[in-house]
C-alpha cells in the first residue's frame, strides 16, 4: 500500500532536532493548524452536533494538546530558557530576556488554564457524548495562543541566533529528542 503525502512537506516535516529553533517554530505552525481544527469543530458541533467526525477531531485535539504542545512548553522552560539565561552576558539583554521569559511563561500558564476548560468537553465529544463547547472558551484559547505565538516569535529567533552557538544548538536538539523518546517508551 502506497502512503500518500501532500505534494509540499510541512515545516514540521523539514525541521529536525539538529535545528531546534526550526523545530520550535514548526511546532507553532502545527499549533495553528490544531487551532483551526478546534474552530471548525466548534462550528460543526453547532450545526450538526456530535457525530463520528467531531469525535475524531476531538480525539486528535486531545492527543495534540496533551502531548506535543506540552513538550513544546517543556522544551522552552526546561531547556531553552535556562540555556539562554546562562549564555546572555549583556546586562541590558539579560533584562530584556528575563521580561520576555516571564511573559512567555505567564502565557503558558494562561493557555494551560484555558485548555483545562476545554479538555473535559472535548473528552466527552471524543467519546461520542453530547457536550457543549463554549464559544468563549474556544475563542479565548485560540486568541491566547495567537498572541503567545506572535510574542514568542518576535523575540525568540533573535535571542537564539545571537546567544547560542552550534554546541548549544546540538545540546538543545538532543534534549528535545530525548524528551520525545522517553514519552514514546511510556
C-alpha atoms as a PDB file:
ATOM      1  CA  UNK A   1       0.000   0.000   0.000  1.00  0.00           C
ATOM      2  CA  UNK A   2       1.402   3.382  -1.003  1.00  0.00           C
ATOM      3  CA  UNK A   3       1.469   6.135   1.608  1.00  0.00           C
ATOM      4  CA  UNK A   4       0.079   9.368   0.211  1.00  0.00           C
ATOM      5  CA  UNK A   5       1.692  12.625   1.263  1.00  0.00           C
ATOM      6  CA  UNK A   6       0.993  16.214   0.458  1.00  0.00           C
ATOM      7  CA  UNK A   7       2.973  17.458  -2.511  1.00  0.00           C
ATOM      8  CA  UNK A   8       4.629  20.072  -0.315  1.00  0.00           C
ATOM      9  CA  UNK A   9       6.006  18.937   3.037  1.00  0.00           C
ATOM     10  CA  UNK A  10       5.023  20.932   6.095  1.00  0.00           C
ATOM     11  CA  UNK A  11       7.591  22.909   8.032  1.00  0.00           C
ATOM     12  CA  UNK A  12       7.479  20.201  10.671  1.00  0.00           C
ATOM     13  CA  UNK A  13       8.490  17.587   8.114  1.00  0.00           C
ATOM     14  CA  UNK A  14      11.532  19.660   7.157  1.00  0.00           C
ATOM     15  CA  UNK A  15      12.718  20.519  10.655  1.00  0.00           C
ATOM     16  CA  UNK A  16      14.728  18.099  12.717  1.00  0.00           C
ATOM     17  CA  UNK A  17      16.315  18.020  16.132  1.00  0.00           C
ATOM     18  CA  UNK A  18      19.576  19.176  14.546  1.00  0.00           C
ATOM     19  CA  UNK A  19      17.810  22.546  14.081  1.00  0.00           C
ATOM     20  CA  UNK A  20      15.916  23.087  17.340  1.00  0.00           C
ATOM     21  CA  UNK A  21      14.820  26.632  16.517  1.00  0.00           C
ATOM     22  CA  UNK A  22      13.124  25.425  13.340  1.00  0.00           C
ATOM     23  CA  UNK A  23      11.506  22.625  15.362  1.00  0.00           C
ATOM     24  CA  UNK A  24      10.082  25.168  17.797  1.00  0.00           C
ATOM     25  CA  UNK A  25       8.822  27.412  15.002  1.00  0.00           C
ATOM     26  CA  UNK A  26       7.374  24.436  13.117  1.00  0.00           C
ATOM     27  CA  UNK A  27       5.522  23.464  16.278  1.00  0.00           C
ATOM     28  CA  UNK A  28       3.853  26.873  16.165  1.00  0.00           C
ATOM     29  CA  UNK A  29       2.594  26.120  12.664  1.00  0.00           C
ATOM     30  CA  UNK A  30       1.196  22.800  13.903  1.00  0.00           C
ATOM     31  CA  UNK A  31      -0.473  24.544  16.839  1.00  0.00           C
ATOM     32  CA  UNK A  32      -2.069  26.991  14.406  1.00  0.00           C
ATOM     33  CA  UNK A  33      -3.414  24.067  12.359  1.00  0.00           C
ATOM     34  CA  UNK A  34      -4.861  22.489  15.501  1.00  0.00           C
ATOM     35  CA  UNK A  35      -6.466  25.803  16.450  1.00  0.00           C
ATOM     36  CA  UNK A  36      -8.124  25.886  13.026  1.00  0.00           C
ATOM     37  CA  UNK A  37      -9.405  22.360  13.667  1.00  0.00           C
ATOM     38  CA  UNK A  38     -10.797  23.499  17.015  1.00  0.00           C
ATOM     39  CA  UNK A  39     -12.632  26.403  15.369  1.00  0.00           C
ATOM     40  CA  UNK A  40     -14.053  24.114  12.671  1.00  0.00           C
ATOM     41  CA  UNK A  41     -15.066  21.586  15.312  1.00  0.00           C
ATOM     42  CA  UNK A  42     -16.912  24.275  17.240  1.00  0.00           C
ATOM     43  CA  UNK A  43     -18.801  25.372  14.108  1.00  0.00           C
ATOM     44  CA  UNK A  44     -19.567  21.771  13.117  1.00  0.00           C
ATOM     45  CA  UNK A  45     -20.899  20.985  16.595  1.00  0.00           C
ATOM     46  CA  UNK A  46     -23.213  23.980  16.467  1.00  0.00           C
ATOM     47  CA  UNK A  47     -24.597  22.905  13.096  1.00  0.00           C
ATOM     48  CA  UNK A  48     -24.605  19.103  13.375  1.00  0.00           C
ATOM     49  CA  UNK A  49     -23.999  18.057  16.961  1.00  0.00           C
ATOM     50  CA  UNK A  50     -21.743  15.187  17.929  1.00  0.00           C
ATOM     51  CA  UNK A  51     -21.047  12.716  15.143  1.00  0.00           C
ATOM     52  CA  UNK A  52     -18.114  10.451  14.222  1.00  0.00           C
ATOM     53  CA  UNK A  53     -16.315  13.358  12.540  1.00  0.00           C
ATOM     54  CA  UNK A  54     -16.496  15.555  15.634  1.00  0.00           C
ATOM     55  CA  UNK A  55     -15.422  12.681  17.855  1.00  0.00           C
ATOM     56  CA  UNK A  56     -12.369  12.033  15.679  1.00  0.00           C
ATOM     57  CA  UNK A  57     -11.470  15.734  15.647  1.00  0.00           C
ATOM     58  CA  UNK A  58     -11.806  15.943  19.436  1.00  0.00           C
ATOM     59  CA  UNK A  59      -9.579  12.880  19.839  1.00  0.00           C
ATOM     60  CA  UNK A  60      -6.923  14.446  17.607  1.00  0.00           C
ATOM     61  CA  UNK A  61      -7.056  17.738  19.510  1.00  0.00           C
ATOM     62  CA  UNK A  62      -6.722  15.958  22.828  1.00  0.00           C
ATOM     63  CA  UNK A  63      -3.724  13.951  21.608  1.00  0.00           C
ATOM     64  CA  UNK A  64      -2.007  17.023  20.264  1.00  0.00           C
ATOM     65  CA  UNK A  65      -2.544  19.434  23.128  1.00  0.00           C
ATOM     66  CA  UNK A  66      -1.888  16.841  25.828  1.00  0.00           C
ATOM     67  CA  UNK A  67       1.418  15.670  24.297  1.00  0.00           C
ATOM     68  CA  UNK A  68       3.056  17.813  21.628  1.00  0.00           C
ATOM     69  CA  UNK A  69       2.059  21.212  22.989  1.00  0.00           C
ATOM     70  CA  UNK A  70       3.196  20.180  26.477  1.00  0.00           C
ATOM     71  CA  UNK A  71       6.543  19.007  25.083  1.00  0.00           C
ATOM     72  CA  UNK A  72       6.945  22.335  23.307  1.00  0.00           C
ATOM     73  CA  UNK A  73       6.483  24.294  26.545  1.00  0.00           C
ATOM     74  CA  UNK A  74       8.875  21.983  28.382  1.00  0.00           C
ATOM     75  CA  UNK A  75      11.464  22.421  25.606  1.00  0.00           C
ATOM     76  CA  UNK A  76      11.365  26.135  26.267  1.00  0.00           C
ATOM     77  CA  UNK A  77      11.015  26.260  30.034  1.00  0.00           C
ATOM     78  CA  UNK A  78      13.307  23.379  30.996  1.00  0.00           C
ATOM     79  CA  UNK A  79      15.953  23.574  28.283  1.00  0.00           C
ATOM     80  CA  UNK A  80      15.970  26.656  26.035  1.00  0.00           C
ATOM     81  CA  UNK A  81      15.297  29.415  28.565  1.00  0.00           C
ATOM     82  CA  UNK A  82      17.845  28.228  31.157  1.00  0.00           C
ATOM     83  CA  UNK A  83      20.397  27.793  28.362  1.00  0.00           C
ATOM     84  CA  UNK A  84      19.814  31.302  27.049  1.00  0.00           C
ATOM     85  CA  UNK A  85      19.960  32.719  30.554  1.00  0.00           C
ATOM     86  CA  UNK A  86      23.344  31.051  31.075  1.00  0.00           C
ATOM     87  CA  UNK A  87      24.709  32.477  27.798  1.00  0.00           C
ATOM     88  CA  UNK A  88      23.495  36.094  27.779  1.00  0.00           C
ATOM     89  CA  UNK A  89      26.327  38.276  29.057  1.00  0.00           C
ATOM     90  CA  UNK A  90      24.982  41.770  28.385  1.00  0.00           C
ATOM     91  CA  UNK A  91      23.026  43.245  31.320  1.00  0.00           C
ATOM     92  CA  UNK A  92      20.541  45.074  29.097  1.00  0.00           C
ATOM     93  CA  UNK A  93      19.923  41.960  27.031  1.00  0.00           C
ATOM     94  CA  UNK A  94      19.519  39.897  30.185  1.00  0.00           C
ATOM     95  CA  UNK A  95      16.845  42.271  31.492  1.00  0.00           C
ATOM     96  CA  UNK A  96      15.049  42.115  28.155  1.00  0.00           C
ATOM     97  CA  UNK A  97      15.335  38.315  28.081  1.00  0.00           C
ATOM     98  CA  UNK A  98      14.006  37.952  31.639  1.00  0.00           C
ATOM     99  CA  UNK A  99      10.987  40.116  30.790  1.00  0.00           C
ATOM    100  CA  UNK A 100      10.417  38.022  27.650  1.00  0.00           C
ATOM    101  CA  UNK A 101      10.743  34.768  29.604  1.00  0.00           C
ATOM    102  CA  UNK A 102       8.292  35.940  32.270  1.00  0.00           C
ATOM    103  CA  UNK A 103       5.771  36.913  29.586  1.00  0.00           C
ATOM    104  CA  UNK A 104       6.094  33.585  27.767  1.00  0.00           C
ATOM    105  CA  UNK A 105       5.849  31.504  30.939  1.00  0.00           C
ATOM    106  CA  UNK A 106       2.844  33.561  32.070  1.00  0.00           C
ATOM    107  CA  UNK A 107       1.274  32.871  28.670  1.00  0.00           C
ATOM    108  CA  UNK A 108       1.961  29.145  29.123  1.00  0.00           C
ATOM    109  CA  UNK A 109       0.083  29.151  32.450  1.00  0.00           C
ATOM    110  CA  UNK A 110      -2.825  31.112  30.933  1.00  0.00           C
ATOM    111  CA  UNK A 111      -3.051  28.725  27.979  1.00  0.00           C
ATOM    112  CA  UNK A 112      -2.898  25.715  30.315  1.00  0.00           C
ATOM    113  CA  UNK A 113      -5.802  27.135  32.331  1.00  0.00           C
ATOM    114  CA  UNK A 114      -7.813  27.786  29.172  1.00  0.00           C
ATOM    115  CA  UNK A 115      -7.030  24.270  27.914  1.00  0.00           C
ATOM    116  CA  UNK A 116      -8.267  22.817  31.204  1.00  0.00           C
ATOM    117  CA  UNK A 117     -11.666  24.384  30.476  1.00  0.00           C
ATOM    118  CA  UNK A 118     -11.795  22.804  27.012  1.00  0.00           C
ATOM    119  CA  UNK A 119     -10.369  19.390  27.885  1.00  0.00           C
ATOM    120  CA  UNK A 120     -13.421  17.956  29.701  1.00  0.00           C
ATOM    121  CA  UNK A 121     -15.967  18.812  27.000  1.00  0.00           C
ATOM    122  CA  UNK A 122     -13.549  17.555  24.333  1.00  0.00           C
ATOM    123  CA  UNK A 123     -13.121  14.275  26.220  1.00  0.00           C
ATOM    124  CA  UNK A 124     -16.892  13.819  26.172  1.00  0.00           C
ATOM    125  CA  UNK A 125     -17.134  14.680  22.488  1.00  0.00           C
ATOM    126  CA  UNK A 126     -14.262  12.272  21.764  1.00  0.00           C
ATOM    127  CA  UNK A 127     -16.345   9.538  23.407  1.00  0.00           C
ATOM    128  CA  UNK A 128     -19.385  10.459  21.295  1.00  0.00           C
ATOM    129  CA  UNK A 129     -21.234  12.199  24.110  1.00  0.00           C
ATOM    130  CA  UNK A 130     -23.193  15.384  23.596  1.00  0.00           C
ATOM    131  CA  UNK A 131     -21.212  18.174  25.203  1.00  0.00           C
ATOM    132  CA  UNK A 132     -21.228  21.921  24.778  1.00  0.00           C
ATOM    133  CA  UNK A 133     -18.024  23.545  23.637  1.00  0.00           C
ATOM    134  CA  UNK A 134     -18.467  27.128  24.884  1.00  0.00           C
ATOM    135  CA  UNK A 135     -17.663  29.742  22.253  1.00  0.00           C
ATOM    136  CA  UNK A 136     -15.958  31.988  24.818  1.00  0.00           C
ATOM    137  CA  UNK A 137     -13.612  29.157  25.812  1.00  0.00           C
ATOM    138  CA  UNK A 138     -12.773  28.303  22.204  1.00  0.00           C
ATOM    139  CA  UNK A 139     -12.172  31.946  21.257  1.00  0.00           C
ATOM    140  CA  UNK A 140     -10.207  32.602  24.438  1.00  0.00           C
ATOM    141  CA  UNK A 141      -7.917  29.626  23.827  1.00  0.00           C
ATOM    142  CA  UNK A 142      -7.397  30.441  20.140  1.00  0.00           C
ATOM    143  CA  UNK A 143      -6.769  34.124  20.881  1.00  0.00           C
ATOM    144  CA  UNK A 144      -4.359  33.447  23.739  1.00  0.00           C
ATOM    145  CA  UNK A 145      -2.331  31.077  21.589  1.00  0.00           C
ATOM    146  CA  UNK A 146      -2.250  33.521  18.648  1.00  0.00           C
ATOM    147  CA  UNK A 147      -0.968  36.331  20.892  1.00  0.00           C
ATOM    148  CA  UNK A 148       1.530  33.964  22.505  1.00  0.00           C
ATOM    149  CA  UNK A 149       2.969  32.740  19.209  1.00  0.00           C
ATOM    150  CA  UNK A 150       3.340  36.299  17.922  1.00  0.00           C
ATOM    151  CA  UNK A 151       5.114  37.456  21.103  1.00  0.00           C
ATOM    152  CA  UNK A 152       7.337  34.405  21.200  1.00  0.00           C
ATOM    153  CA  UNK A 153       8.421  34.514  17.586  1.00  0.00           C
ATOM    154  CA  UNK A 154       9.100  38.255  17.685  1.00  0.00           C
ATOM    155  CA  UNK A 155      11.990  37.788  20.146  1.00  0.00           C
ATOM    156  CA  UNK A 156      12.902  34.112  20.261  1.00  0.00           C
ATOM    157  CA  UNK A 157      14.747  33.947  16.943  1.00  0.00           C
ATOM    158  CA  UNK A 158      16.847  36.977  17.838  1.00  0.00           C
ATOM    159  CA  UNK A 159      17.849  35.603  21.263  1.00  0.00           C
ATOM    160  CA  UNK A 160      18.507  32.173  19.815  1.00  0.00           C
ATOM    161  CA  UNK A 161      20.681  33.376  16.941  1.00  0.00           C
ATOM    162  CA  UNK A 162      22.571  35.938  18.965  1.00  0.00           C
ATOM    163  CA  UNK A 163      23.418  33.908  22.050  1.00  0.00           C
ATOM    164  CA  UNK A 164      23.545  30.215  21.199  1.00  0.00           C
ATOM    165  CA  UNK A 165      26.425  28.552  19.386  1.00  0.00           C
ATOM    166  CA  UNK A 166      26.438  25.287  17.434  1.00  0.00           C
ATOM    167  CA  UNK A 167      27.251  23.240  20.543  1.00  0.00           C
ATOM    168  CA  UNK A 168      24.323  24.794  22.408  1.00  0.00           C
ATOM    169  CA  UNK A 169      22.017  24.048  19.496  1.00  0.00           C
ATOM    170  CA  UNK A 170      23.148  20.432  19.370  1.00  0.00           C
ATOM    171  CA  UNK A 171      22.632  20.032  23.123  1.00  0.00           C
ATOM    172  CA  UNK A 172      19.186  21.586  22.886  1.00  0.00           C
ATOM    173  CA  UNK A 173      18.269  19.315  19.968  1.00  0.00           C
ATOM    174  CA  UNK A 174      19.389  16.245  21.948  1.00  0.00           C
ATOM    175  CA  UNK A 175      17.308  17.336  24.963  1.00  0.00           C
ATOM    176  CA  UNK A 176      14.242  17.847  22.775  1.00  0.00           C
ATOM    177  CA  UNK A 177      14.730  14.479  21.109  1.00  0.00           C
ATOM    178  CA  UNK A 178      15.228  12.737  24.466  1.00  0.00           C
ATOM    179  CA  UNK A 179      12.001  14.247  25.830  1.00  0.00           C
ATOM    180  CA  UNK A 180      10.050  12.726  22.973  1.00  0.00           C
ATOM    181  CA  UNK A 181      11.910   9.406  23.094  1.00  0.00           C
ATOM    182  CA  UNK A 182      11.095   8.995  26.770  1.00  0.00           C
ATOM    183  CA  UNK A 183       7.454   9.776  26.061  1.00  0.00           C
ATOM    184  CA  UNK A 184       7.249   7.237  23.236  1.00  0.00           C
ATOM    185  CA  UNK A 185       8.554   4.490  25.540  1.00  0.00           C
ATOM    186  CA  UNK A 186       5.855   5.099  28.151  1.00  0.00           C
END
